[in-house]
Amino acid sequence: MEAAKQGAFIQWNHPGWKVQQADGIPVMYEFHRKLLAKGWLHGIEYYNDVEYYPLVFKMCKEYNLALMGNSDNHGSISVAYNRPEYINRPMTLVFSKEKSSDALKEALFAGRTMVWFRDILAGKEEYAKPFFYKCISVGKPFYKDENNIYFEVANRSDIPFYLTKGTTKGAPGEIALPANSVTRIVVSKKTNSPVAYDVRNILTGETEVLAVELKF
C-alpha cells in the first residue's frame, strides 16, 4: 500500500519459481487480483535469471501489464552470463518518448516494454513489429541475372533475427540475419515482393511469434 501511495511501479517477480510454485506454472491468485483491482500491480516478470514463464504473456495481455525481464543476479554479471553461452544478460527494453526519468516511468506504467534474453525478444506485437523494422533495412536489388534477383538486408542491431517458414515460391525458406551485419538474399525473378516470414526469436504471445515481410 505504501509503495502504491508513493507512485511506485510494482511488479510480480518470478511467478513460476519452483521454490514457490512446484510445477513452474504461474498462477494468478486472489491476492494478485486484489492488487489489480486497486491498480497496484503494473508488471510481471516474464524472464528471471535463466528461466521464463510463457503463461505470463497471456496475463500481461489480459490485464495490460508490462512484461519484465531481469537477471536477479546476486553476484557478478560477467561470471553468470559469460560468452559464448550468453550474448547478453536478461534485461527489459523500455520504449520511452525521451531520455528522462519521468518519460521512463510513463513508459513503464503504459506497458511499453520488451524483454531480451539470450538471443530472444519477447513483447506485444504493437511494440515488437516497429522494433524489428527499425533494426533492419532492405536494400534495392543490386544485381539481376536471367534467373535471379539479388538484394541485401542490413541488421543494425545487436540482436540476431531468424526468419523461418517462408512459403513464397522462389525465395529462401529460412534466412538468418546476424547482429550488426549485412546478408545477401537471392530470389527468383518470378518471386513477387514482399516475401513473408515468421521471426522465430521474437515472441509476441504465449505461443505466437512475429510475422514480417521483406519488400525488395
Foldseek 3Di string as FASTA:
>chain_A
DVCVVVVHADEAEQQQPCVVNVVSAGDCDPVNVVCLVVVNHAEYEQEEQHDGHQVRQVVCVVSVHAYWYDNPDPDDPCVSAPPDQAPDGKGKDFDFPDPDPVRRSVRNNNRRIWIQTRLAIEEAQVNVVVVQVVQKDKADFPDDDPWKTKTKMFGAAQHKWKWACWDFPFFDRIDIHHYGDMDMTIGTPPTDPWTKTFGPRYHNHSPDTDIDTDGD
